[in-house]
Amino acid sequence: MYDGIVQELIDEFGRLPGIGPKSAQRITFHILQTPTFDVARLAELLSEIRLRVRFCEVCGNVAEQERCAICRDPRRSQALICVVEDAKDVAAIERTREFRGLYHVLGGVISPIAGVGPDDLRIAQLMTRLADGSVQEVILATNPNLEGEATASYLSRLLTTMQITVSRLASGLPVGGDLEYADEVTLGRAFEGRRVL
């Protein structure tokens, strides 16, 4: 649609997940039309992120050192591990300020259609972490979709052989939602997860 480098940049932004052609075009034109936009800083950060950021050797979260800030924090409970799909999920849970334990990032979910099996995830590393007996509870916080449920079910069966409490995040109705718009599965889970007031 556009000539040369402008279209190349739009195409490059469009390759990023969650950014469609319109968003890619808006980002490109924002950079072009904003004289104060620091292109050099953006380029520097993009280069540095590949060099400096890695995955925590303990939990798999993003880190600039061998261990992430959460794994290095002595105030975190060593007896609780929350298992998540991706490092983005760690950030989402941390924003709640409700969880004070440690994390384990699987690096995805079991998805036979996508060719991802248990051996492709960081499940062996989780089992190694649990082997010393210091962890009392594992919270499975995978997404409530088909792949997330399959992964949680697999992990639950795997962990029943250990003397560890295995729990799953509750799911159900969102705050501010209307019952009439809830699907059957969500409404059913809301009933299953109800609590006494």
N, C-alpha and C. Protein backbone atom coordinates (compact mmCIF):
# COMPACT_ATOMS: atom_id res chain seq x y z
N MET A 1 0.83 -1.19 0.00
CA MET A 1 0.00 0.00 0.00
C MET A 1 0.88 1.26 0.00
N TYR A 2 1.91 1.28 0.85
CA TYR A 2 2.83 2.41 0.90
C TYR A 2 4.14 2.01 0.24
N ASP A 3 4.95 3.01 -0.08
CA ASP A 3 6.21 2.73 -0.74
C ASP A 3 7.32 2.41 0.24
N GLY A 4 8.18 1.51 -0.16
CA GLY A 4 9.45 1.25 0.48
C GLY A 4 9.43 0.98 1.97
N ILE A 5 10.25 1.76 2.68
CA ILE A 5 10.53 1.51 4.10
C ILE A 5 9.31 1.69 4.99
N VAL A 6 8.39 2.57 4.61
CA VAL A 6 7.18 2.76 5.40
C VAL A 6 6.38 1.46 5.44
N GLN A 7 6.18 0.86 4.27
CA GLN A 7 5.45 -0.41 4.21
C GLN A 7 6.22 -1.52 4.91
N GLU A 8 7.53 -1.52 4.80
CA GLU A 8 8.35 -2.53 5.47
C GLU A 8 8.17 -2.45 6.98
N LEU A 9 8.14 -1.22 7.53
CA LEU A 9 7.95 -1.06 8.98
C LEU A 9 6.55 -1.49 9.38
N ILE A 10 5.54 -1.12 8.59
CA ILE A 10 4.16 -1.55 8.88
C ILE A 10 4.10 -3.08 8.89
N ASP A 11 4.71 -3.70 7.89
CA ASP A 11 4.70 -5.16 7.81
C ASP A 11 5.40 -5.79 9.01
N GLU A 12 6.51 -5.17 9.44
CA GLU A 12 7.27 -5.71 10.58
C GLU A 12 6.46 -5.61 11.87
N PHE A 13 5.82 -4.46 12.11
CA PHE A 13 4.96 -4.32 13.29
C PHE A 13 3.79 -5.29 13.21
N GLY A 14 3.27 -5.51 12.00
CA GLY A 14 2.14 -6.43 11.80
C GLY A 14 2.47 -7.88 12.12
N ARG A 15 3.75 -8.22 12.14
CA ARG A 15 4.16 -9.59 12.48
C ARG A 15 4.10 -9.85 13.98
N LEU A 16 3.99 -8.79 14.78
CA LEU A 16 3.93 -8.95 16.23
C LEU A 16 2.56 -9.48 16.64
N PRO A 17 2.49 -10.32 17.67
CA PRO A 17 1.19 -10.88 18.10
C PRO A 17 0.27 -9.78 18.62
N GLY A 18 -0.98 -9.84 18.21
CA GLY A 18 -1.97 -8.90 18.70
C GLY A 18 -1.99 -7.58 17.95
N ILE A 19 -1.11 -7.41 16.98
CA ILE A 19 -1.08 -6.17 16.21
C ILE A 19 -1.47 -6.50 14.77
N GLY A 20 -2.64 -6.02 14.39
CA GLY A 20 -3.11 -6.23 13.03
C GLY A 20 -2.62 -5.13 12.11
N PRO A 21 -3.04 -5.18 10.85
CA PRO A 21 -2.58 -4.19 9.87
C PRO A 21 -2.89 -2.74 10.26
N LYS A 22 -4.08 -2.50 10.80
CA LYS A 22 -4.45 -1.12 11.18
C LYS A 22 -3.59 -0.62 12.34
N SER A 23 -3.39 -1.45 13.34
CA SER A 23 -2.56 -1.05 14.48
C SER A 23 -1.12 -0.83 14.04
N ALA A 24 -0.62 -1.69 13.17
CA ALA A 24 0.75 -1.55 12.66
C ALA A 24 0.90 -0.23 11.92
N GLN A 25 -0.11 0.12 11.15
CA GLN A 25 -0.09 1.39 10.42
C GLN A 25 -0.12 2.57 11.38
N ARG A 26 -0.98 2.49 12.41
CA ARG A 26 -1.06 3.59 13.40
C ARG A 26 0.27 3.78 14.13
N ILE A 27 0.91 2.68 14.53
CA ILE A 27 2.19 2.77 15.22
C ILE A 27 3.24 3.42 14.31
N THR A 28 3.29 2.97 13.07
CA THR A 28 4.26 3.51 12.12
C THR A 28 4.06 5.01 11.93
N PHE A 29 2.81 5.43 11.72
CA PHE A 29 2.56 6.85 11.49
C PHE A 29 2.73 7.67 12.77
N HIS A 30 2.53 7.07 13.91
CA HIS A 30 2.82 7.78 15.17
C HIS A 30 4.32 8.09 15.25
N ILE A 31 5.13 7.11 14.91
CA ILE A 31 6.58 7.31 14.93
C ILE A 31 6.99 8.39 13.91
N LEU A 32 6.38 8.34 12.73
CA LEU A 32 6.71 9.32 11.69
C LEU A 32 6.27 10.74 12.04
N GLN A 33 5.09 10.86 12.66
CA GLN A 33 4.50 12.18 12.86
C GLN A 33 4.81 12.82 14.21
N THR A 34 5.48 12.09 15.10
CA THR A 34 5.79 12.63 16.42
C THR A 34 7.29 12.95 16.48
N PRO A 35 7.62 14.23 16.34
CA PRO A 35 9.05 14.59 16.32
C PRO A 35 9.79 14.25 17.61
N THR A 36 9.07 14.19 18.72
CA THR A 36 9.72 13.92 20.01
C THR A 36 9.89 12.43 20.29
N PHE A 37 9.33 11.58 19.41
CA PHE A 37 9.45 10.14 19.63
C PHE A 37 10.91 9.73 19.51
N ASP A 38 11.44 9.09 20.54
CA ASP A 38 12.85 8.72 20.60
C ASP A 38 13.09 7.37 19.91
N VAL A 39 13.29 7.42 18.60
CA VAL A 39 13.50 6.21 17.81
C VAL A 39 14.79 5.52 18.21
N ALA A 40 15.81 6.31 18.51
CA ALA A 40 17.10 5.73 18.90
C ALA A 40 16.96 4.93 20.19
N ARG A 41 16.21 5.45 21.15
CA ARG A 41 16.01 4.73 22.42
C ARG A 41 15.24 3.43 22.19
N LEU A 42 14.21 3.48 21.34
CA LEU A 42 13.45 2.27 21.01
C LEU A 42 14.36 1.22 20.37
N ALA A 43 15.17 1.64 19.43
CA ALA A 43 16.09 0.71 18.77
C ALA A 43 17.10 0.14 19.76
N GLU A 44 17.58 0.98 20.67
CA GLU A 44 18.53 0.54 21.69
C GLU A 44 17.90 -0.51 22.62
N LEU A 45 16.67 -0.24 23.06
CA LEU A 45 15.98 -1.19 23.94
C LEU A 45 15.71 -2.52 23.24
N LEU A 46 15.32 -2.46 21.98
CA LEU A 46 15.07 -3.68 21.23
C LEU A 46 16.34 -4.52 21.09
N SER A 47 17.47 -3.86 20.90
CA SER A 47 18.74 -4.58 20.82
C SER A 47 19.16 -5.13 22.18
N GLU A 48 19.01 -4.33 23.23
CA GLU A 48 19.44 -4.73 24.56
C GLU A 48 18.60 -5.86 25.14
N ILE A 49 17.33 -5.88 24.82
CA ILE A 49 16.47 -6.92 25.41
C ILE A 49 16.94 -8.31 25.02
N ARG A 50 17.43 -8.46 23.80
CA ARG A 50 17.96 -9.76 23.36
C ARG A 50 19.24 -10.12 24.10
N LEU A 51 20.03 -9.12 24.44
CA LEU A 51 21.32 -9.36 25.10
C LEU A 51 21.18 -9.56 26.61
N ARG A 52 20.32 -8.78 27.25
CA ARG A 52 20.27 -8.74 28.71
C ARG A 52 19.21 -9.61 29.36
N VAL A 53 18.10 -9.84 28.68
CA VAL A 53 16.99 -10.55 29.31
C VAL A 53 17.07 -12.03 28.99
N ARG A 54 16.85 -12.83 30.01
CA ARG A 54 16.86 -14.29 29.88
C ARG A 54 15.69 -14.82 30.70
N PHE A 55 15.64 -16.10 30.88
CA PHE A 55 14.60 -16.70 31.70
C PHE A 55 15.24 -17.22 32.98
N CYS A 56 14.57 -17.00 34.10
CA CYS A 56 15.06 -17.40 35.42
C CYS A 56 15.36 -18.89 35.43
N GLU A 57 16.53 -19.24 35.95
CA GLU A 57 16.94 -20.65 35.99
C GLU A 57 16.09 -21.48 36.95
N VAL A 58 15.39 -20.82 37.87
CA VAL A 58 14.56 -21.54 38.83
C VAL A 58 13.13 -21.67 38.34
N CYS A 59 12.49 -20.54 38.03
CA CYS A 59 11.05 -20.57 37.74
C CYS A 59 10.68 -20.38 36.28
N GLY A 60 11.58 -19.82 35.47
CA GLY A 60 11.28 -19.60 34.06
C GLY A 60 10.70 -18.23 33.77
N ASN A 61 10.60 -17.35 34.77
CA ASN A 61 10.12 -15.98 34.57
C ASN A 61 11.22 -15.18 33.87
N VAL A 62 10.86 -14.04 33.29
CA VAL A 62 11.89 -13.19 32.67
C VAL A 62 12.76 -12.58 33.75
N ALA A 63 14.04 -12.45 33.44
CA ALA A 63 15.00 -11.94 34.43
C ALA A 63 16.20 -11.34 33.71
N GLU A 64 16.87 -10.44 34.39
CA GLU A 64 18.13 -9.90 33.86
C GLU A 64 19.33 -10.55 34.55
N GLN A 65 19.06 -11.38 35.55
CA GLN A 65 20.11 -12.15 36.23
C GLN A 65 19.75 -13.62 36.10
N GLU A 66 20.57 -14.49 36.69
CA GLU A 66 20.27 -15.92 36.61
C GLU A 66 18.95 -16.26 37.28
N ARG A 67 18.64 -15.54 38.36
CA ARG A 67 17.37 -15.75 39.08
C ARG A 67 16.57 -14.45 39.02
N CYS A 68 15.25 -14.56 38.88
CA CYS A 68 14.40 -13.37 38.81
C CYS A 68 14.26 -12.74 40.20
N ALA A 69 13.71 -11.54 40.23
CA ALA A 69 13.54 -10.80 41.49
C ALA A 69 12.64 -11.54 42.47
N ILE A 70 11.64 -12.24 41.97
CA ILE A 70 10.71 -12.97 42.84
C ILE A 70 11.43 -14.15 43.51
N CYS A 71 12.20 -14.90 42.75
CA CYS A 71 12.94 -16.04 43.33
C CYS A 71 14.02 -15.58 44.30
N ARG A 72 14.54 -14.38 44.10
CA ARG A 72 15.58 -13.85 45.00
C ARG A 72 15.00 -13.21 46.25
N ASP A 73 13.71 -12.93 46.28
CA ASP A 73 13.08 -12.21 47.40
C ASP A 73 12.91 -13.15 48.60
N PRO A 74 13.62 -12.91 49.71
CA PRO A 74 13.52 -13.80 50.87
C PRO A 74 12.18 -13.71 51.60
N ARG A 75 11.39 -12.69 51.30
CA ARG A 75 10.08 -12.53 51.96
C ARG A 75 9.00 -13.41 51.33
N ARG A 76 9.28 -13.99 50.17
CA ARG A 76 8.29 -14.83 49.50
C ARG A 76 8.23 -16.20 50.17
N SER A 77 7.02 -16.75 50.26
CA SER A 77 6.84 -18.08 50.86
C SER A 77 7.40 -19.16 49.95
N GLN A 78 8.29 -19.97 50.49
CA GLN A 78 8.89 -21.08 49.75
C GLN A 78 7.95 -22.30 49.71
N ALA A 79 6.86 -22.24 50.48
CA ALA A 79 5.96 -23.38 50.59
C ALA A 79 4.84 -23.35 49.54
N LEU A 80 4.72 -22.25 48.79
CA LEU A 80 3.66 -22.09 47.79
C LEU A 80 4.27 -21.87 46.41
N ILE A 81 3.81 -22.64 45.43
CA ILE A 81 4.22 -22.41 44.05
C ILE A 81 2.97 -22.28 43.20
N CYS A 82 2.90 -21.19 42.45
CA CYS A 82 1.80 -20.96 41.52
C CYS A 82 2.30 -21.28 40.12
N VAL A 83 1.67 -22.25 39.47
CA VAL A 83 2.08 -22.69 38.14
C VAL A 83 1.28 -21.92 37.09
N VAL A 84 1.99 -21.23 36.20
CA VAL A 84 1.35 -20.43 35.15
C VAL A 84 1.87 -20.86 33.78
N GLU A 85 1.16 -20.42 32.76
CA GLU A 85 1.55 -20.77 31.39
C GLU A 85 2.75 -19.96 30.91
N ASP A 86 2.68 -18.64 31.08
CA ASP A 86 3.69 -17.73 30.53
C ASP A 86 4.10 -16.69 31.55
N ALA A 87 5.23 -16.03 31.28
CA ALA A 87 5.73 -14.98 32.17
C ALA A 87 4.74 -13.82 32.27
N LYS A 88 3.93 -13.60 31.24
CA LYS A 88 2.91 -12.54 31.29
C LYS A 88 1.91 -12.82 32.42
N ASP A 89 1.67 -14.10 32.68
CA ASP A 89 0.72 -14.47 33.74
C ASP A 89 1.28 -14.12 35.12
N VAL A 90 2.59 -14.20 35.28
CA VAL A 90 3.22 -13.80 36.55
C VAL A 90 2.92 -12.34 36.82
N ALA A 91 3.10 -11.51 35.80
CA ALA A 91 2.84 -10.07 35.96
C ALA A 91 1.39 -9.81 36.30
N ALA A 92 0.47 -10.53 35.68
CA ALA A 92 -0.96 -10.35 35.95
C ALA A 92 -1.28 -10.70 37.41
N ILE A 93 -0.74 -11.80 37.90
CA ILE A 93 -1.01 -12.21 39.28
C ILE A 93 -0.34 -11.25 40.26
N GLU A 94 0.87 -10.81 39.95
CA GLU A 94 1.57 -9.87 40.83
C GLU A 94 0.81 -8.55 40.98
N ARG A 95 0.11 -8.13 39.94
CA ARG A 95 -0.67 -6.88 40.02
C ARG A 95 -1.77 -6.96 41.07
N THR A 96 -2.24 -8.17 41.38
CA THR A 96 -3.30 -8.32 42.39
C THR A 96 -2.77 -8.10 43.81
N ARG A 97 -1.48 -8.30 44.02
CA ARG A 97 -0.82 -8.21 45.33
C ARG A 97 -1.44 -9.17 46.35
N GLU A 98 -2.00 -10.27 45.87
CA GLU A 98 -2.64 -11.26 46.73
C GLU A 98 -1.76 -12.48 46.98
N PHE A 99 -0.85 -12.77 46.08
CA PHE A 99 -0.05 -13.99 46.16
C PHE A 99 1.36 -13.64 46.60
N ARG A 100 1.85 -14.32 47.65
CA ARG A 100 3.19 -14.03 48.19
C ARG A 100 4.12 -15.24 48.12
N GLY A 101 3.79 -16.20 47.27
CA GLY A 101 4.64 -17.37 47.11
C GLY A 101 5.55 -17.23 45.90
N LEU A 102 5.97 -18.36 45.37
CA LEU A 102 6.84 -18.40 44.20
C LEU A 102 6.05 -18.86 42.97
N TYR A 103 6.66 -18.78 41.82
CA TYR A 103 6.00 -19.16 40.57
C TYR A 103 6.78 -20.26 39.87
N HIS A 104 6.08 -20.89 38.93
CA HIS A 104 6.74 -21.78 37.99
C HIS A 104 6.07 -21.56 36.64
N VAL A 105 6.84 -21.11 35.65
CA VAL A 105 6.35 -20.83 34.31
C VAL A 105 6.55 -22.06 33.44
N LEU A 106 5.47 -22.59 32.92
CA LEU A 106 5.54 -23.80 32.10
C LEU A 106 6.10 -23.52 30.70
N GLY A 107 5.87 -22.33 30.20
CA GLY A 107 6.30 -22.02 28.84
C GLY A 107 5.30 -22.47 27.79
N GLY A 108 4.04 -22.57 28.18
CA GLY A 108 2.98 -22.96 27.25
C GLY A 108 2.02 -23.93 27.92
N VAL A 109 1.22 -24.59 27.10
CA VAL A 109 0.24 -25.57 27.57
C VAL A 109 0.26 -26.79 26.66
N ILE A 110 -0.27 -27.87 27.16
CA ILE A 110 -0.39 -29.08 26.36
C ILE A 110 -1.42 -28.83 25.27
N SER A 111 -1.03 -29.04 24.03
CA SER A 111 -1.93 -28.82 22.90
C SER A 111 -1.56 -29.79 21.78
N PRO A 112 -2.21 -30.95 21.75
CA PRO A 112 -1.89 -31.94 20.72
C PRO A 112 -2.06 -31.39 19.29
N ILE A 113 -3.02 -30.50 19.11
CA ILE A 113 -3.25 -29.93 17.77
C ILE A 113 -2.04 -29.12 17.32
N ALA A 114 -1.42 -28.39 18.27
CA ALA A 114 -0.23 -27.59 17.96
C ALA A 114 1.05 -28.40 18.09
N GLY A 115 0.92 -29.67 18.44
CA GLY A 115 2.09 -30.53 18.58
C GLY A 115 2.89 -30.29 19.85
N VAL A 116 2.22 -29.77 20.89
CA VAL A 116 2.89 -29.49 22.16
C VAL A 116 2.44 -30.53 23.18
N GLY A 117 3.40 -31.32 23.66
CA GLY A 117 3.11 -32.33 24.67
C GLY A 117 3.76 -31.96 26.00
N PRO A 118 3.57 -32.77 27.01
CA PRO A 118 4.15 -32.50 28.33
C PRO A 118 5.67 -32.35 28.32
N ASP A 119 6.35 -33.08 27.44
CA ASP A 119 7.81 -33.01 27.37
C ASP A 119 8.31 -31.69 26.79
N ASP A 120 7.42 -30.94 26.14
CA ASP A 120 7.79 -29.66 25.56
C ASP A 120 7.67 -28.51 26.57
N LEU A 121 7.11 -28.81 27.73
CA LEU A 121 6.91 -27.79 28.76
C LEU A 121 7.92 -27.99 29.89
N ARG A 122 7.95 -27.05 30.81
CA ARG A 122 8.89 -27.11 31.94
C ARG A 122 8.30 -27.91 33.12
N ILE A 123 7.74 -29.06 32.81
CA ILE A 123 7.13 -29.91 33.84
C ILE A 123 8.21 -30.67 34.61
N ALA A 124 9.23 -31.16 33.93
CA ALA A 124 10.32 -31.88 34.61
C ALA A 124 11.01 -30.96 35.62
N GLN A 125 11.19 -29.68 35.27
CA GLN A 125 11.80 -28.73 36.19
C GLN A 125 10.91 -28.49 37.40
N LEU A 126 9.59 -28.50 37.19
CA LEU A 126 8.65 -28.35 38.31
C LEU A 126 8.79 -29.54 39.25
N MET A 127 8.83 -30.73 38.71
CA MET A 127 8.94 -31.93 39.54
C MET A 127 10.25 -31.93 40.34
N THR A 128 11.32 -31.43 39.74
CA THR A 128 12.60 -31.31 40.43
C THR A 128 12.48 -30.34 41.61
N ARG A 129 11.80 -29.22 41.39
CA ARG A 129 11.61 -28.23 42.45
C ARG A 129 10.80 -28.80 43.61
N LEU A 130 9.86 -29.68 43.31
CA LEU A 130 8.97 -30.23 44.34
C LEU A 130 9.60 -31.42 45.08
N ALA A 131 10.66 -31.96 44.56
CA ALA A 131 11.25 -33.20 45.10
C ALA A 131 11.77 -33.08 46.52
N ASP A 132 12.21 -31.89 46.94
CA ASP A 132 12.81 -31.77 48.27
C ASP A 132 11.78 -31.72 49.41
N GLY A 133 10.50 -31.63 49.09
CA GLY A 133 9.45 -31.68 50.10
C GLY A 133 9.16 -30.38 50.82
N SER A 134 9.78 -29.27 50.42
CA SER A 134 9.55 -27.99 51.11
C SER A 134 8.27 -27.29 50.65
N VAL A 135 7.76 -27.66 49.48
CA VAL A 135 6.55 -27.04 48.96
C VAL A 135 5.34 -27.77 49.52
N GLN A 136 4.40 -27.01 50.07
CA GLN A 136 3.19 -27.59 50.67
C GLN A 136 1.98 -27.51 49.74
N GLU A 137 1.95 -26.48 48.87
CA GLU A 137 0.80 -26.32 47.98
C GLU A 137 1.26 -25.85 46.61
N VAL A 138 0.65 -26.44 45.58
CA VAL A 138 0.84 -26.00 44.20
C VAL A 138 -0.50 -25.49 43.71
N ILE A 139 -0.50 -24.25 43.24
CA ILE A 139 -1.72 -23.63 42.71
C ILE A 139 -1.62 -23.65 41.19
N LEU A 140 -2.56 -24.30 40.55
CA LEU A 140 -2.56 -24.38 39.09
C LEU A 140 -3.34 -23.18 38.55
N ALA A 141 -2.64 -22.29 37.86
CA ALA A 141 -3.24 -21.06 37.37
C ALA A 141 -3.15 -20.97 35.85
N THR A 142 -3.46 -22.06 35.18
CA THR A 142 -3.50 -22.04 33.71
C THR A 142 -4.83 -21.44 33.28
N ASN A 143 -4.89 -20.99 32.04
CA ASN A 143 -6.11 -20.35 31.54
C ASN A 143 -7.27 -21.33 31.52
N PRO A 144 -8.49 -20.82 31.74
CA PRO A 144 -9.67 -21.70 31.75
C PRO A 144 -10.19 -22.00 30.35
N ASN A 145 -9.29 -22.44 29.46
CA ASN A 145 -9.71 -22.87 28.13
C ASN A 145 -9.36 -24.35 27.98
N LEU A 146 -9.61 -24.91 26.82
CA LEU A 146 -9.42 -26.34 26.62
C LEU A 146 -7.99 -26.79 26.93
N GLU A 147 -7.00 -26.07 26.39
CA GLU A 147 -5.61 -26.44 26.59
C GLU A 147 -5.17 -26.22 28.04
N GLY A 148 -5.61 -25.11 28.63
CA GLY A 148 -5.27 -24.81 30.03
C GLY A 148 -5.85 -25.84 30.97
N GLU A 149 -7.09 -26.25 30.71
CA GLU A 149 -7.74 -27.27 31.54
C GLU A 149 -7.05 -28.62 31.39
N ALA A 150 -6.67 -28.96 30.15
CA ALA A 150 -5.97 -30.23 29.92
C ALA A 150 -4.63 -30.25 30.65
N THR A 151 -3.94 -29.12 30.62
CA THR A 151 -2.64 -29.02 31.29
C THR A 151 -2.81 -29.12 32.80
N ALA A 152 -3.81 -28.43 33.34
CA ALA A 152 -4.08 -28.48 34.78
C ALA A 152 -4.46 -29.89 35.20
N SER A 153 -5.26 -30.56 34.41
CA SER A 153 -5.67 -31.93 34.71
C SER A 153 -4.46 -32.87 34.70
N TYR A 154 -3.60 -32.72 33.71
CA TYR A 154 -2.39 -33.55 33.62
C TYR A 154 -1.51 -33.33 34.85
N LEU A 155 -1.28 -32.07 35.21
CA LEU A 155 -0.44 -31.76 36.37
C LEU A 155 -1.07 -32.27 37.66
N SER A 156 -2.36 -32.14 37.77
CA SER A 156 -3.07 -32.59 38.97
C SER A 156 -2.87 -34.10 39.16
N ARG A 157 -3.03 -34.86 38.09
CA ARG A 157 -2.82 -36.32 38.17
C ARG A 157 -1.38 -36.64 38.51
N LEU A 158 -0.45 -35.89 37.94
CA LEU A 158 0.97 -36.11 38.18
C LEU A 158 1.35 -35.83 39.64
N LEU A 159 0.73 -34.79 40.21
CA LEU A 159 1.08 -34.36 41.57
C LEU A 159 0.36 -35.13 42.67
N THR A 160 -0.64 -35.93 42.33
CA THR A 160 -1.35 -36.69 43.37
C THR A 160 -0.46 -37.72 44.05
N THR A 161 0.63 -38.08 43.41
CA THR A 161 1.55 -39.06 44.00
C THR A 161 2.41 -38.43 45.09
N MET A 162 2.42 -37.10 45.18
CA MET A 162 3.25 -36.40 46.16
C MET A 162 2.37 -35.93 47.32
N GLN A 163 2.98 -35.67 48.44
CA GLN A 163 2.25 -35.18 49.62
C GLN A 163 2.15 -33.65 49.56
N ILE A 164 1.47 -33.16 48.51
CA ILE A 164 1.33 -31.73 48.28
C ILE A 164 -0.13 -31.43 48.00
N THR A 165 -0.63 -30.33 48.56
CA THR A 165 -1.98 -29.87 48.24
C THR A 165 -1.94 -29.26 46.85
N VAL A 166 -2.86 -29.69 46.00
CA VAL A 166 -2.96 -29.13 44.65
C VAL A 166 -4.29 -28.40 44.56
N SER A 167 -4.24 -27.10 44.19
CA SER A 167 -5.46 -26.32 44.06
C SER A 167 -5.50 -25.67 42.68
N ARG A 168 -6.67 -25.21 42.31
CA ARG A 168 -6.88 -24.57 41.01
C ARG A 168 -7.54 -23.23 41.27
N LEU A 169 -7.14 -22.21 40.51
CA LEU A 169 -7.79 -20.92 40.66
C LEU A 169 -9.28 -21.07 40.39
N ALA A 170 -10.08 -20.35 41.16
CA ALA A 170 -11.52 -20.38 40.95
C ALA A 170 -11.84 -19.67 39.63
N SER A 171 -12.92 -20.07 39.01
CA SER A 171 -13.37 -19.38 37.82
C SER A 171 -14.87 -19.24 37.91
N GLY A 172 -15.39 -18.29 37.19
CA GLY A 172 -16.82 -18.04 37.24
C GLY A 172 -17.15 -16.70 36.66
N LEU A 173 -18.10 -16.01 37.27
CA LEU A 173 -18.59 -14.75 36.74
C LEU A 173 -17.64 -13.60 37.01
N PRO A 174 -17.41 -12.74 36.02
CA PRO A 174 -16.57 -11.58 36.26
C PRO A 174 -17.32 -10.51 37.05
N VAL A 175 -16.59 -9.71 37.80
CA VAL A 175 -17.20 -8.61 38.53
C VAL A 175 -17.80 -7.65 37.51
N GLY A 176 -19.04 -7.25 37.72
CA GLY A 176 -19.71 -6.33 36.81
C GLY A 176 -20.41 -7.03 35.66
N GLY A 177 -20.34 -8.37 35.61
CA GLY A 177 -20.97 -9.12 34.53
C GLY A 177 -22.45 -9.35 34.81
N ASP A 178 -23.19 -9.69 33.78
CA ASP A 178 -24.62 -9.99 33.90
C ASP A 178 -24.84 -11.49 33.69
N LEU A 179 -25.69 -12.08 34.54
CA LEU A 179 -25.98 -13.51 34.44
C LEU A 179 -26.52 -13.90 33.08
N GLU A 180 -27.36 -13.04 32.51
CA GLU A 180 -27.99 -13.40 31.24
C GLU A 180 -26.99 -13.55 30.09
N TYR A 181 -25.81 -12.94 30.22
CA TYR A 181 -24.80 -13.02 29.16
C TYR A 181 -23.75 -14.09 29.43
N ALA A 182 -23.79 -14.73 30.56
CA ALA A 182 -22.80 -15.75 30.90
C ALA A 182 -23.10 -17.05 30.15
N ASP A 183 -22.06 -17.69 29.63
CA ASP A 183 -22.26 -18.98 28.97
C ASP A 183 -22.47 -20.06 30.04
N GLU A 184 -22.90 -21.23 29.60
CA GLU A 184 -23.25 -22.31 30.53
C GLU A 184 -22.05 -22.79 31.34
N VAL A 185 -20.89 -22.89 30.70
CA VAL A 185 -19.71 -23.38 31.40
C VAL A 185 -19.30 -22.41 32.51
N THR A 186 -19.27 -21.12 32.18
CA THR A 186 -18.89 -20.10 33.16
C THR A 186 -19.88 -20.08 34.31
N LEU A 187 -21.16 -20.12 34.00
CA LEU A 187 -22.19 -20.11 35.05
C LEU A 187 -22.11 -21.37 35.89
N GLY A 188 -21.87 -22.52 35.27
CA GLY A 188 -21.71 -23.77 36.00
C GLY A 188 -20.53 -23.72 36.96
N ARG A 189 -19.42 -23.14 36.51
CA ARG A 189 -18.25 -23.02 37.38
C ARG A 189 -18.49 -22.04 38.51
N ALA A 190 -19.28 -21.03 38.26
CA ALA A 190 -19.62 -20.08 39.32
C ALA A 190 -20.40 -20.80 40.42
N PHE A 191 -21.29 -21.71 40.04
CA PHE A 191 -22.04 -22.47 41.04
C PHE A 191 -21.12 -23.42 41.79
N GLU A 192 -20.21 -24.10 41.06
CA GLU A 192 -19.30 -25.03 41.70
C GLU A 192 -18.36 -24.33 42.69
N GLY A 193 -17.95 -23.12 42.34
CA GLY A 193 -16.99 -22.39 43.15
C GLY A 193 -17.61 -21.44 44.16
N ARG A 194 -18.91 -21.57 44.39
CA ARG A 194 -19.57 -20.65 45.31
C ARG A 194 -19.02 -20.82 46.72
N ARG A 195 -19.12 -19.75 47.53
CA ARG A 195 -18.62 -19.82 48.90
C ARG A 195 -19.66 -19.25 49.85
N VAL A 196 -19.59 -19.69 51.08
CA VAL A 196 -20.52 -19.24 52.11
C VAL A 196 -20.12 -17.84 52.55
N LEU A 197 -21.09 -16.97 52.70
CA LEU A 197 -20.81 -15.58 53.14
C LEU A 197 -21.04 -15.43 54.62
